[in-house]
Amino acid sequence: MHDTCPNCLQRDIAPAVTRRRGQTTRDGYQCPRCQQQWITERIDTAYRHHRDDAA
């Protein structure tokens, strides 16, 4: 999942590191423009799309 730098607002930054534990994914980012580093964490089931919802 790509993100936006919280410091300089550079968009579409790919994660430098991704780690998964159970149903949680943690992505580490570093902005190529300003070198800001940050981490995001998400619960994978919150991002799962259900085929039943599309009908």
Protein backbone atom coordinates (compact mmCIF):
# COMPACT_ATOMS: atom_id res chain seq x y z
CA MET A 1 0.00 0.00 0.00
CA HIS A 2 1.45 3.38 -0.99
CA ASP A 3 1.32 6.42 1.28
CA THR A 4 1.87 10.18 1.40
CA CYS A 5 4.72 11.75 3.36
CA PRO A 6 3.36 13.47 6.49
CA ASN A 7 6.16 16.06 6.33
CA CYS A 8 6.42 17.30 2.72
CA LEU A 9 3.27 15.65 1.24
CA GLN A 10 5.17 13.73 -1.46
CA ARG A 11 2.63 11.22 -2.80
CA ASP A 12 2.71 7.57 -3.88
CA ILE A 13 5.61 6.38 -1.70
CA ALA A 14 6.07 2.62 -1.60
CA PRO A 15 6.90 0.93 1.70
CA ALA A 16 10.59 0.24 2.34
CA VAL A 17 9.76 -2.59 4.76
CA THR A 18 6.60 -4.65 5.31
CA ARG A 19 6.08 -6.99 8.26
CA ARG A 20 3.07 -9.14 9.03
CA ARG A 21 2.05 -10.61 12.35
CA GLY A 22 -1.25 -12.47 12.53
CA GLN A 23 -3.87 -10.22 10.94
CA THR A 24 -1.79 -7.04 11.27
CA THR A 25 0.49 -5.52 8.63
CA ARG A 26 3.07 -2.87 9.49
CA ASP A 27 4.71 -0.83 6.71
CA GLY A 28 7.81 1.34 7.17
CA TYR A 29 8.33 4.25 4.80
CA GLN A 30 11.06 6.77 4.00
CA CYS A 31 10.35 9.79 1.84
CA PRO A 32 12.76 10.10 -1.08
CA ARG A 33 12.33 13.90 -1.07
CA CYS A 34 12.81 14.91 2.59
CA GLN A 35 14.00 11.62 4.20
CA GLN A 36 11.15 11.63 6.76
CA GLN A 37 10.50 8.14 8.17
CA TRP A 38 7.18 6.79 9.47
CA ILE A 39 5.30 3.58 10.15
CA THR A 40 1.71 2.63 9.46
CA GLU A 41 -0.12 -0.34 10.93
CA ARG A 42 -3.39 -1.80 9.73
CA ILE A 43 -5.65 -4.72 10.52
CA ASP A 44 -5.80 -6.73 7.30
CA THR A 45 -9.43 -7.81 7.67
CA ALA A 46 -10.49 -4.14 7.55
CA TYR A 47 -9.09 -3.95 3.98
CA ARG A 48 -10.57 -7.22 2.73
CA HIS A 49 -13.25 -6.78 0.05
CA HIS A 50 -16.22 -9.13 0.22
CA ARG A 51 -17.67 -10.40 -3.03
CA ASP A 52 -21.16 -10.41 -1.49
CA ASP A 53 -20.96 -6.61 -1.08
CA ALA A 54 -20.52 -6.10 -4.84
CA ALA A 55 -23.81 -7.81 -5.71
